[in-house]
Amino acid sequence: MAEFAFNEHHQNEIINYMRFARSKRVLRLRTIDSCFEELKDSRLVEETFTVDEVREMLDGLQVVVRGEVETELINTAHTNVLLLRQLYSQAEKFYLRLQSDISELENRELLEQVAEFEKTDFKTTDKINQETSKPKLAPLNESGVSELLNKEIGRLQEENDKLKARLRTLECQAMSALDEKTKAERALKDLQMVQGEQQIAAKSKEISSLEDTVAALKEDYERSLCANAASQKDLQENLISAKHELLRVQEQLALAEKELDKKFQQTAAYRNMKEILTKKNEQIKEIRKRLQRYEPNE
């Protein structure tokens, strides 16, 4: 399995999955064999069969075998989906995005390598696992190993002492920082109280100044209302007098027009024009009578 570049843990996982697949395959093959044995025991009891009987038996066997194979293929596909689900779930915990190349699933060279692994390495691994599953006792009186262990223990104890000393230093620093934090919180509360009182005084001053401004604006508004009322009254009186004056002027203009009409009618030009219009009217009447006499239809 060196061609796939797997570590030992992943290789063991593949071996476990192949064991599972092999057990399911063996179970399904036994089921198919039992289908053939059942056909032999139940139908092949006579010496001769007709073509129709043989065809019927083969058709029935085909349906049964097809159902078994289809069930196994579906189960295998679903099992692979569950396996991929486990892998993807583990990858998503570390924010990884796994990708798969479906075309590699039909790579004949890789499939042959897997088959070769199942024939050789898989059996060898089973033997190794059986041998390594037996517990082994550690040898005694190995001075070199004991010396290394003692050195490692001493180094770890020294590091532990250093870590303890650093921990005490950090605890002292933390306590001093906590005291400083408490003092700062107290100072901040005092400052907030002083600032709160100052803000309240400033707000009260601002409110009083706003009240004075509102009162002054109210007085100005009332004065402007009084002034507007007086000016409105004066405007109304002026408007009434102007209307009376307009009526008087219109009446004078009417009288003047009448006097002008009288004076115009008394002039010689007006009388001459009136005589000329009267003569013209009489001539027009005479002409109409003549026309009616000679051309009555029109």
C-alpha atoms as a PDB file:
ATOM      1  CA  MET A   1       0.000   0.000   0.000  1.00  0.00           C
ATOM      2  CA  ALA A   2       3.065   2.251  -0.215  1.00  0.00           C
ATOM      3  CA  GLU A   3       1.864   3.589  -3.560  1.00  0.00           C
ATOM      4  CA  PHE A   4      -1.005   5.417  -1.835  1.00  0.00           C
ATOM      5  CA  ALA A   5       1.295   7.130   0.694  1.00  0.00           C
ATOM      6  CA  PHE A   6      -0.941   6.427   3.721  1.00  0.00           C
ATOM      7  CA  ASN A   7       0.231   6.575   7.288  1.00  0.00           C
ATOM      8  CA  GLU A   8      -0.268   3.660   9.623  1.00  0.00           C
ATOM      9  CA  HIS A   9      -3.484   4.968  11.169  1.00  0.00           C
ATOM     10  CA  HIS A  10      -5.189   5.561   7.835  1.00  0.00           C
ATOM     11  CA  GLN A  11      -3.968   2.217   6.533  1.00  0.00           C
ATOM     12  CA  ASN A  12      -5.590   0.496   9.518  1.00  0.00           C
ATOM     13  CA  GLU A  13      -8.826   2.372   8.842  1.00  0.00           C
ATOM     14  CA  ILE A  14      -8.796   1.170   5.218  1.00  0.00           C
ATOM     15  CA  ILE A  15      -8.160  -2.367   6.381  1.00  0.00           C
ATOM     16  CA  ASN A  16     -11.145  -2.200   8.737  1.00  0.00           C
ATOM     17  CA  TYR A  17     -13.373  -0.930   5.938  1.00  0.00           C
ATOM     18  CA  MET A  18     -12.158  -3.675   3.584  1.00  0.00           C
ATOM     19  CA  ARG A  19     -12.922  -6.283   6.261  1.00  0.00           C
ATOM     20  CA  PHE A  20     -16.424  -4.875   6.548  1.00  0.00           C
ATOM     21  CA  ALA A  21     -16.885  -4.878   2.751  1.00  0.00           C
ATOM     22  CA  ARG A  22     -15.519  -8.412   2.455  1.00  0.00           C
ATOM     23  CA  SER A  23     -17.903  -9.716   5.134  1.00  0.00           C
ATOM     24  CA  LYS A  24     -20.880  -8.091   3.391  1.00  0.00           C
ATOM     25  CA  ARG A  25     -19.725  -9.502   0.032  1.00  0.00           C
ATOM     26  CA  VAL A  26     -19.341 -13.019   1.417  1.00  0.00           C
ATOM     27  CA  LEU A  27     -22.793 -12.811   3.019  1.00  0.00           C
ATOM     28  CA  ARG A  28     -24.415 -11.686  -0.246  1.00  0.00           C
ATOM     29  CA  LEU A  29     -22.634 -14.449  -2.231  1.00  0.00           C
ATOM     30  CA  ARG A  30     -23.931 -17.007   0.223  1.00  0.00           C
ATOM     31  CA  THR A  31     -27.429 -15.646  -0.304  1.00  0.00           C
ATOM     32  CA  ILE A  32     -27.063 -16.009  -4.076  1.00  0.00           C
ATOM     33  CA  ASP A  33     -25.746 -19.573  -3.649  1.00  0.00           C
ATOM     34  CA  SER A  34     -28.752 -20.362  -1.465  1.00  0.00           C
ATOM     35  CA  CYS A  35     -31.039 -19.103  -4.254  1.00  0.00           C
ATOM     36  CA  PHE A  36     -29.502 -21.610  -6.677  1.00  0.00           C
ATOM     37  CA  GLU A  37     -29.644 -24.417  -4.077  1.00  0.00           C
ATOM     38  CA  GLU A  38     -33.288 -23.645  -3.376  1.00  0.00           C
ATOM     39  CA  LEU A  39     -34.051 -23.832  -7.099  1.00  0.00           C
ATOM     40  CA  LYS A  40     -32.269 -27.157  -7.345  1.00  0.00           C
ATOM     41  CA  ASP A  41     -34.059 -28.627  -4.354  1.00  0.00           C
ATOM     42  CA  SER A  42     -37.533 -27.329  -5.165  1.00  0.00           C
ATOM     43  CA  ARG A  43     -37.751 -27.533  -8.984  1.00  0.00           C
ATOM     44  CA  LEU A  44     -35.148 -30.002 -10.268  1.00  0.00           C
ATOM     45  CA  VAL A  45     -36.984 -33.119  -9.118  1.00  0.00           C
ATOM     46  CA  GLU A  46     -37.807 -34.576 -12.516  1.00  0.00           C
ATOM     47  CA  GLU A  47     -35.529 -36.084 -15.157  1.00  0.00           C
ATOM     48  CA  THR A  48     -36.787 -34.146 -18.157  1.00  0.00           C
ATOM     49  CA  PHE A  49     -38.111 -30.585 -18.551  1.00  0.00           C
ATOM     50  CA  THR A  50     -39.632 -28.769 -21.428  1.00  0.00           C
ATOM     51  CA  VAL A  51     -38.181 -25.581 -22.871  1.00  0.00           C
ATOM     52  CA  ASP A  52     -40.950 -23.498 -21.309  1.00  0.00           C
ATOM     53  CA  GLU A  53     -40.341 -24.999 -17.891  1.00  0.00           C
ATOM     54  CA  VAL A  54     -36.587 -24.355 -18.103  1.00  0.00           C
ATOM     55  CA  ARG A  55     -37.250 -20.781 -19.286  1.00  0.00           C
ATOM     56  CA  GLU A  56     -39.689 -20.250 -16.414  1.00  0.00           C
ATOM     57  CA  MET A  57     -37.168 -21.553 -13.860  1.00  0.00           C
ATOM     58  CA  LEU A  58     -34.363 -19.379 -15.274  1.00  0.00           C
ATOM     59  CA  ASP A  59     -36.630 -16.303 -15.347  1.00  0.00           C
ATOM     60  CA  GLY A  60     -37.586 -16.814 -11.722  1.00  0.00           C
ATOM     61  CA  LEU A  61     -33.941 -17.345 -10.748  1.00  0.00           C
ATOM     62  CA  GLN A  62     -32.974 -14.217 -12.706  1.00  0.00           C
ATOM     63  CA  VAL A  63     -35.529 -12.105 -10.824  1.00  0.00           C
ATOM     64  CA  VAL A  64     -34.298 -13.380  -7.453  1.00  0.00           C
ATOM     65  CA  VAL A  65     -30.576 -12.950  -8.259  1.00  0.00           C
ATOM     66  CA  ARG A  66     -31.201  -9.541  -9.819  1.00  0.00           C
ATOM     67  CA  GLY A  67     -33.026  -8.413  -6.674  1.00  0.00           C
ATOM     68  CA  GLU A  68     -30.214  -9.646  -4.432  1.00  0.00           C
ATOM     69  CA  VAL A  69     -27.502  -7.957  -6.523  1.00  0.00           C
ATOM     70  CA  GLU A  70     -29.478  -4.713  -6.793  1.00  0.00           C
ATOM     71  CA  THR A  71     -30.049  -4.683  -3.030  1.00  0.00           C
ATOM     72  CA  GLU A  72     -26.328  -5.239  -2.413  1.00  0.00           C
ATOM     73  CA  LEU A  73     -25.313  -2.468  -4.848  1.00  0.00           C
ATOM     74  CA  ILE A  74     -27.760  -0.011  -3.267  1.00  0.00           C
ATOM     75  CA  ASN A  75     -26.583  -0.974   0.217  1.00  0.00           C
ATOM     76  CA  THR A  76     -22.940  -0.537  -0.860  1.00  0.00           C
ATOM     77  CA  ALA A  77     -23.652   2.925  -2.295  1.00  0.00           C
ATOM     78  CA  HIS A  78     -25.476   3.992   0.860  1.00  0.00           C
ATOM     79  CA  THR A  79     -22.664   2.602   3.017  1.00  0.00           C
ATOM     80  CA  ASN A  80     -20.111   4.613   1.043  1.00  0.00           C
ATOM     81  CA  VAL A  81     -22.242   7.744   1.523  1.00  0.00           C
ATOM     82  CA  LEU A  82     -22.252   7.176   5.294  1.00  0.00           C
ATOM     83  CA  LEU A  83     -18.467   6.721   5.227  1.00  0.00           C
ATOM     84  CA  LEU A  84     -18.043   9.976   3.274  1.00  0.00           C
ATOM     85  CA  ARG A  85     -20.397  11.672   5.746  1.00  0.00           C
ATOM     86  CA  GLN A  86     -18.104  10.726   8.633  1.00  0.00           C
ATOM     87  CA  LEU A  87     -15.036  12.012   6.778  1.00  0.00           C
ATOM     88  CA  TYR A  88     -16.693  15.296   5.743  1.00  0.00           C
ATOM     89  CA  SER A  89     -18.039  15.877   9.249  1.00  0.00           C
ATOM     90  CA  GLN A  90     -14.558  15.495  10.716  1.00  0.00           C
ATOM     91  CA  ALA A  91     -13.132  17.829   8.046  1.00  0.00           C
ATOM     92  CA  GLU A  92     -15.779  20.527   8.674  1.00  0.00           C
ATOM     93  CA  LYS A  93     -14.815  20.652  12.358  1.00  0.00           C
ATOM     94  CA  PHE A  94     -11.413  21.962  11.221  1.00  0.00           C
ATOM     95  CA  TYR A  95     -12.954  24.212   8.520  1.00  0.00           C
ATOM     96  CA  LEU A  96     -11.616  22.020   5.703  1.00  0.00           C
ATOM     97  CA  ARG A  97     -13.247  21.464   2.310  1.00  0.00           C
ATOM     98  CA  LEU A  98     -12.511  18.025   0.903  1.00  0.00           C
ATOM     99  CA  GLN A  99     -12.704  17.403  -2.833  1.00  0.00           C
ATOM    100  CA  SER A 100     -13.184  14.118  -4.679  1.00  0.00           C
ATOM    101  CA  ASP A 101     -12.333  13.162  -8.259  1.00  0.00           C
ATOM    102  CA  ILE A 102     -15.041  10.773  -9.484  1.00  0.00           C
ATOM    103  CA  SER A 103     -12.999   9.857 -12.556  1.00  0.00           C
ATOM    104  CA  GLU A 104     -10.322   8.285 -10.329  1.00  0.00           C
ATOM    105  CA  LEU A 105     -12.889   5.717  -9.133  1.00  0.00           C
ATOM    106  CA  GLU A 106     -12.591   3.970 -12.521  1.00  0.00           C
ATOM    107  CA  ASN A 107      -8.805   4.161 -12.727  1.00  0.00           C
ATOM    108  CA  ARG A 108      -7.854   0.614 -13.682  1.00  0.00           C
ATOM    109  CA  GLU A 109      -4.279   0.932 -12.367  1.00  0.00           C
ATOM    110  CA  LEU A 110      -5.433   2.086  -8.941  1.00  0.00           C
ATOM    111  CA  LEU A 111      -8.096  -0.617  -8.835  1.00  0.00           C
ATOM    112  CA  GLU A 112      -5.432  -3.234  -9.566  1.00  0.00           C
ATOM    113  CA  GLN A 113      -3.272  -1.816  -6.761  1.00  0.00           C
ATOM    114  CA  VAL A 114      -6.205  -2.101  -4.350  1.00  0.00           C
ATOM    115  CA  ALA A 115      -6.822  -5.699  -5.475  1.00  0.00           C
ATOM    116  CA  GLU A 116      -3.141  -6.504  -5.022  1.00  0.00           C
ATOM    117  CA  PHE A 117      -3.223  -4.953  -1.564  1.00  0.00           C
ATOM    118  CA  GLU A 118      -6.242  -7.061  -0.649  1.00  0.00           C
ATOM    119  CA  LYS A 119      -4.426 -10.228  -1.779  1.00  0.00           C
ATOM    120  CA  THR A 120      -1.007  -9.626  -0.195  1.00  0.00           C
ATOM    121  CA  ASP A 121      -0.720  -6.719   2.264  1.00  0.00           C
ATOM    122  CA  PHE A 122      -4.154  -7.324   3.717  1.00  0.00           C
ATOM    123  CA  LYS A 123      -3.301 -10.892   4.721  1.00  0.00           C
ATOM    124  CA  THR A 124       0.113  -9.824   6.006  1.00  0.00           C
ATOM    125  CA  THR A 125      -1.463  -7.086   8.076  1.00  0.00           C
ATOM    126  CA  ASP A 126      -3.895  -9.568   9.590  1.00  0.00           C
ATOM    127  CA  LYS A 127      -0.971 -11.704  10.732  1.00  0.00           C
ATOM    128  CA  ILE A 128       0.887  -8.691  12.121  1.00  0.00           C
ATOM    129  CA  ASN A 129      -2.193  -7.504  13.981  1.00  0.00           C
ATOM    130  CA  GLN A 130      -2.667 -10.939  15.489  1.00  0.00           C
ATOM    131  CA  GLU A 131       0.954 -11.010  16.666  1.00  0.00           C
ATOM    132  CA  THR A 132       0.990  -7.439  17.955  1.00  0.00           C
ATOM    133  CA  SER A 133      -2.297  -7.918  19.775  1.00  0.00           C
ATOM    134  CA  LYS A 134      -0.479 -10.094  22.317  1.00  0.00           C
ATOM    135  CA  PRO A 135       0.884  -7.951  25.200  1.00  0.00           C
ATOM    136  CA  LYS A 136       4.640  -7.948  25.774  1.00  0.00           C
ATOM    137  CA  LEU A 137       6.440  -7.419  29.078  1.00  0.00           C
ATOM    138  CA  ALA A 138       9.075  -4.706  29.264  1.00  0.00           C
ATOM    139  CA  PRO A 139      12.610  -5.973  30.056  1.00  0.00           C
ATOM    140  CA  LEU A 140      14.108  -5.311  33.470  1.00  0.00           C
ATOM    141  CA  ASN A 141      17.535  -3.978  34.497  1.00  0.00           C
ATOM    142  CA  GLU A 142      18.072  -1.861  31.418  1.00  0.00           C
ATOM    143  CA  SER A 143      20.461   0.755  32.785  1.00  0.00           C
ATOM    144  CA  GLY A 144      20.517   2.892  29.650  1.00  0.00           C
ATOM    145  CA  VAL A 145      16.742   3.266  29.515  1.00  0.00           C
ATOM    146  CA  SER A 146      16.495   3.936  33.281  1.00  0.00           C
ATOM    147  CA  GLU A 147      19.168   6.627  33.049  1.00  0.00           C
ATOM    148  CA  LEU A 148      17.341   8.324  30.175  1.00  0.00           C
ATOM    149  CA  LEU A 149      14.078   8.167  32.087  1.00  0.00           C
ATOM    150  CA  ASN A 150      15.707   9.658  35.185  1.00  0.00           C
ATOM    151  CA  LYS A 151      17.187  12.499  33.111  1.00  0.00           C
ATOM    152  CA  GLU A 152      13.830  13.162  31.500  1.00  0.00           C
ATOM    153  CA  ILE A 153      12.112  13.166  34.909  1.00  0.00           C
ATOM    154  CA  GLY A 154      14.722  15.586  36.292  1.00  0.00           C
ATOM    155  CA  ARG A 155      14.292  17.901  33.293  1.00  0.00           C
ATOM    156  CA  LEU A 156      10.544  17.829  33.680  1.00  0.00           C
ATOM    157  CA  GLN A 157      10.809  18.567  37.415  1.00  0.00           C
ATOM    158  CA  GLU A 158      13.127  21.505  36.687  1.00  0.00           C
ATOM    159  CA  GLU A 159      10.670  22.864  34.106  1.00  0.00           C
ATOM    160  CA  ASN A 160       7.868  22.329  36.604  1.00  0.00           C
ATOM    161  CA  ASP A 161       9.738  24.365  39.249  1.00  0.00           C
ATOM    162  CA  LYS A 162      10.332  27.160  36.723  1.00  0.00           C
ATOM    163  CA  LEU A 163       6.674  27.140  35.779  1.00  0.00           C
ATOM    164  CA  LYS A 164       5.653  27.281  39.443  1.00  0.00           C
ATOM    165  CA  ALA A 165       7.960  30.263  40.054  1.00  0.00           C
ATOM    166  CA  ARG A 166       6.584  32.019  36.992  1.00  0.00           C
ATOM    167  CA  LEU A 167       3.065  31.214  38.154  1.00  0.00           C
ATOM    168  CA  ARG A 168       3.768  32.838  41.558  1.00  0.00           C
ATOM    169  CA  THR A 169       5.177  35.906  39.775  1.00  0.00           C
ATOM    170  CA  LEU A 170       2.104  36.102  37.562  1.00  0.00           C
ATOM    171  CA  GLU A 171      -0.144  35.740  40.609  1.00  0.00           C
ATOM    172  CA  CYS A 172       1.628  38.678  42.330  1.00  0.00           C
ATOM    173  CA  GLN A 173       1.319  40.750  39.166  1.00  0.00           C
ATOM    174  CA  ALA A 174      -2.329  39.814  38.878  1.00  0.00           C
ATOM    175  CA  MET A 175      -3.001  40.813  42.504  1.00  0.00           C
ATOM    176  CA  SER A 176      -1.270  44.172  42.036  1.00  0.00           C
ATOM    177  CA  ALA A 177      -3.171  44.713  38.795  1.00  0.00           C
ATOM    178  CA  LEU A 178      -6.410  43.860  40.606  1.00  0.00           C
ATOM    179  CA  ASP A 179      -5.616  46.410  43.341  1.00  0.00           C
ATOM    180  CA  GLU A 180      -4.854  49.055  40.750  1.00  0.00           C
ATOM    181  CA  LYS A 181      -8.088  48.190  38.972  1.00  0.00           C
ATOM    182  CA  THR A 182     -10.057  48.607  42.223  1.00  0.00           C
ATOM    183  CA  LYS A 183      -8.436  51.978  42.895  1.00  0.00           C
ATOM    184  CA  ALA A 184      -9.117  53.084  39.346  1.00  0.00           C
ATOM    185  CA  GLU A 185     -12.761  52.028  39.644  1.00  0.00           C
ATOM    186  CA  ARG A 186     -13.155  54.015  42.866  1.00  0.00           C
ATOM    187  CA  ALA A 187     -11.525  57.091  41.306  1.00  0.00           C
ATOM    188  CA  LEU A 188     -13.743  56.692  38.265  1.00  0.00           C
ATOM    189  CA  LYS A 189     -16.871  56.537  40.452  1.00  0.00           C
ATOM    190  CA  ASP A 190     -15.804  59.693  42.345  1.00  0.00           C
ATOM    191  CA  LEU A 191     -15.085  61.468  39.086  1.00  0.00           C
ATOM    192  CA  GLN A 192     -18.423  60.383  37.684  1.00  0.00           C
ATOM    193  CA  MET A 193     -20.192  61.730  40.768  1.00  0.00           C
ATOM    194  CA  VAL A 194     -18.402  65.106  40.484  1.00  0.00           C
ATOM    195  CA  GLN A 195     -19.072  65.261  36.760  1.00  0.00           C
ATOM    196  CA  GLY A 196     -22.702  64.325  37.393  1.00  0.00           C
ATOM    197  CA  GLU A 197     -23.162  67.186  39.839  1.00  0.00           C
ATOM    198  CA  GLN A 198     -21.474  69.601  37.436  1.00  0.00           C
ATOM    199  CA  GLN A 199     -23.627  68.377  34.582  1.00  0.00           C
ATOM    200  CA  ILE A 200     -26.777  68.800  36.704  1.00  0.00           C
ATOM    201  CA  ALA A 201     -25.809  72.403  37.573  1.00  0.00           C
ATOM    202  CA  ALA A 202     -25.024  73.172  33.943  1.00  0.00           C
ATOM    203  CA  LYS A 203     -28.317  71.629  32.863  1.00  0.00           C
ATOM    204  CA  SER A 204     -30.245  73.700  35.415  1.00  0.00           C
ATOM    205  CA  LYS A 205     -28.559  76.886  34.177  1.00  0.00           C
ATOM    206  CA  GLU A 206     -29.324  75.963  30.610  1.00  0.00           C
ATOM    207  CA  ILE A 207     -32.959  75.245  31.481  1.00  0.00           C
ATOM    208  CA  SER A 208     -33.351  78.590  33.292  1.00  0.00           C
ATOM    209  CA  SER A 209     -31.811  80.457  30.351  1.00  0.00           C
ATOM    210  CA  LEU A 210     -34.141  78.618  27.984  1.00  0.00           C
ATOM    211  CA  GLU A 211     -37.122  79.539  30.149  1.00  0.00           C
ATOM    212  CA  ASP A 212     -36.081  83.242  30.069  1.00  0.00           C
ATOM    213  CA  THR A 213     -35.689  83.059  26.301  1.00  0.00           C
ATOM    214  CA  VAL A 214     -39.135  81.477  25.926  1.00  0.00           C
ATOM    215  CA  ALA A 215     -40.704  84.169  28.124  1.00  0.00           C
ATOM    216  CA  ALA A 216     -39.055  86.940  26.088  1.00  0.00           C
ATOM    217  CA  LEU A 217     -40.200  85.353  22.857  1.00  0.00           C
ATOM    218  CA  LYS A 218     -43.717  85.053  24.256  1.00  0.00           C
ATOM    219  CA  GLU A 219     -43.767  88.799  25.139  1.00  0.00           C
ATOM    220  CA  ASP A 220     -42.481  89.719  21.673  1.00  0.00           C
ATOM    221  CA  TYR A 221     -45.118  87.518  20.117  1.00  0.00           C
ATOM    222  CA  GLU A 222     -47.901  89.142  22.151  1.00  0.00           C
ATOM    223  CA  ARG A 223     -46.645  92.620  21.232  1.00  0.00           C
ATOM    224  CA  SER A 224     -46.468  91.663  17.586  1.00  0.00           C
ATOM    225  CA  LEU A 225     -50.026  90.308  17.822  1.00  0.00           C
ATOM    226  CA  CYS A 226     -51.267  93.610  19.264  1.00  0.00           C
ATOM    227  CA  ALA A 227     -49.425  95.577  16.597  1.00  0.00           C
ATOM    228  CA  ASN A 228     -50.797  93.351  13.877  1.00  0.00           C
ATOM    229  CA  ALA A 229     -54.336  93.764  15.209  1.00  0.00           C
ATOM    230  CA  ALA A 230     -54.017  97.592  15.210  1.00  0.00           C
ATOM    231  CA  SER A 231     -52.506  97.609  11.721  1.00  0.00           C
ATOM    232  CA  GLN A 232     -55.228  95.288  10.493  1.00  0.00           C
ATOM    233  CA  LYS A 233     -57.920  97.639  11.864  1.00  0.00           C
ATOM    234  CA  ASP A 234     -56.281 100.635  10.136  1.00  0.00           C
ATOM    235  CA  LEU A 235     -56.094  98.677   6.894  1.00  0.00           C
ATOM    236  CA  GLN A 236     -59.781  97.791   7.096  1.00  0.00           C
ATOM    237  CA  GLU A 237     -60.739 101.437   7.679  1.00  0.00           C
ATOM    238  CA  ASN A 238     -58.538 102.572   4.782  1.00  0.00           C
ATOM    239  CA  LEU A 239     -60.094  99.911   2.569  1.00  0.00           C
ATOM    240  CA  ILE A 240     -63.647 101.078   3.409  1.00  0.00           C
ATOM    241  CA  SER A 241     -62.789 104.730   2.687  1.00  0.00           C
ATOM    242  CA  ALA A 242     -61.136 103.690  -0.567  1.00  0.00           C
ATOM    243  CA  LYS A 243     -64.279 101.786  -1.601  1.00  0.00           C
ATOM    244  CA  HIS A 244     -66.456 104.841  -0.864  1.00  0.00           C
ATOM    245  CA  GLU A 245     -64.117 107.043  -2.869  1.00  0.00           C
ATOM    246  CA  LEU A 246     -64.217 104.565  -5.759  1.00  0.00           C
ATOM    247  CA  LEU A 247     -68.052 104.603  -5.798  1.00  0.00           C
ATOM    248  CA  ARG A 248     -68.081 108.376  -5.762  1.00  0.00           C
ATOM    249  CA  VAL A 249     -65.659 108.562  -8.686  1.00  0.00           C
ATOM    250  CA  GLN A 250     -67.678 105.978 -10.646  1.00  0.00           C
ATOM    251  CA  GLU A 251     -70.864 108.025 -10.092  1.00  0.00           C
ATOM    252  CA  GLN A 252     -69.112 111.193 -11.275  1.00  0.00           C
ATOM    253  CA  LEU A 253     -67.864 109.368 -14.386  1.00  0.00           C
ATOM    254  CA  ALA A 254     -71.429 108.228 -15.214  1.00  0.00           C
ATOM    255  CA  LEU A 255     -72.762 111.762 -14.893  1.00  0.00           C
ATOM    256  CA  ALA A 256     -69.949 113.090 -17.061  1.00  0.00           C
ATOM    257  CA  GLU A 257     -70.739 110.502 -19.760  1.00  0.00           C
ATOM    258  CA  LYS A 258     -74.416 111.495 -19.744  1.00  0.00           C
ATOM    259  CA  GLU A 259     -73.529 115.193 -20.031  1.00  0.00           C
ATOM    260  CA  LEU A 260     -71.172 114.424 -22.898  1.00  0.00           C
ATOM    261  CA  ASP A 261     -73.929 112.490 -24.693  1.00  0.00           C
ATOM    262  CA  LYS A 262     -76.309 115.422 -24.302  1.00  0.00           C
ATOM    263  CA  LYS A 263     -73.736 117.921 -25.565  1.00  0.00           C
ATOM    264  CA  PHE A 264     -72.864 115.659 -28.523  1.00  0.00           C
ATOM    265  CA  GLN A 265     -76.525 115.262 -29.495  1.00  0.00           C
ATOM    266  CA  GLN A 266     -76.988 119.041 -29.471  1.00  0.00           C
ATOM    267  CA  THR A 267     -74.124 119.624 -31.933  1.00  0.00           C
ATOM    268  CA  ALA A 268     -74.781 120.348 -35.692  1.00  0.00           C
ATOM    269  CA  ALA A 269     -72.601 117.456 -36.813  1.00  0.00           C
ATOM    270  CA  TYR A 270     -74.685 115.003 -34.771  1.00  0.00           C
ATOM    271  CA  ARG A 271     -77.929 116.401 -36.297  1.00  0.00           C
ATOM    272  CA  ASN A 272     -76.553 116.271 -39.858  1.00  0.00           C
ATOM    273  CA  MET A 273     -75.340 112.680 -39.323  1.00  0.00           C
ATOM    274  CA  LYS A 274     -78.747 111.718 -37.976  1.00  0.00           C
ATOM    275  CA  GLU A 275     -80.561 113.251 -41.013  1.00  0.00           C
ATOM    276  CA  ILE A 276     -78.188 111.437 -43.391  1.00  0.00           C
ATOM    277  CA  LEU A 277     -78.816 108.088 -41.584  1.00  0.00           C
ATOM    278  CA  THR A 278     -82.601 108.676 -41.745  1.00  0.00           C
ATOM    279  CA  LYS A 279     -82.466 109.366 -45.533  1.00  0.00           C
ATOM    280  CA  LYS A 280     -80.316 106.296 -46.091  1.00  0.00           C
ATOM    281  CA  ASN A 281     -82.767 104.143 -44.156  1.00  0.00           C
ATOM    282  CA  GLU A 282     -85.682 105.418 -46.264  1.00  0.00           C
ATOM    283  CA  GLN A 283     -83.736 104.746 -49.489  1.00  0.00           C
ATOM    284  CA  ILE A 284     -82.963 101.201 -48.304  1.00  0.00           C
ATOM    285  CA  LYS A 285     -86.655 100.580 -47.566  1.00  0.00           C
ATOM    286  CA  GLU A 286     -87.626 101.881 -51.057  1.00  0.00           C
ATOM    287  CA  ILE A 287     -85.037  99.635 -52.719  1.00  0.00           C
ATOM    288  CA  ARG A 288     -86.336  96.569 -50.791  1.00  0.00           C
ATOM    289  CA  LYS A 289     -89.921  97.313 -51.946  1.00  0.00           C
ATOM    290  CA  ARG A 290     -88.729  97.479 -55.573  1.00  0.00           C
ATOM    291  CA  LEU A 291     -86.843  94.261 -55.236  1.00  0.00           C
ATOM    292  CA  GLN A 292     -89.857  92.476 -53.796  1.00  0.00           C
ATOM    293  CA  ARG A 293     -91.971  93.818 -56.710  1.00  0.00           C
ATOM    294  CA  TYR A 294     -89.625  92.532 -59.486  1.00  0.00           C
ATOM    295  CA  GLU A 295     -88.156  89.474 -57.790  1.00  0.00           C
ATOM    296  CA  PRO A 296     -90.658  88.196 -55.258  1.00  0.00           C
ATOM    297  CA  ASN A 297     -89.154  84.637 -55.039  1.00  0.00           C
ATOM    298  CA  GLU A 298     -85.786  85.811 -53.942  1.00  0.00           C
END
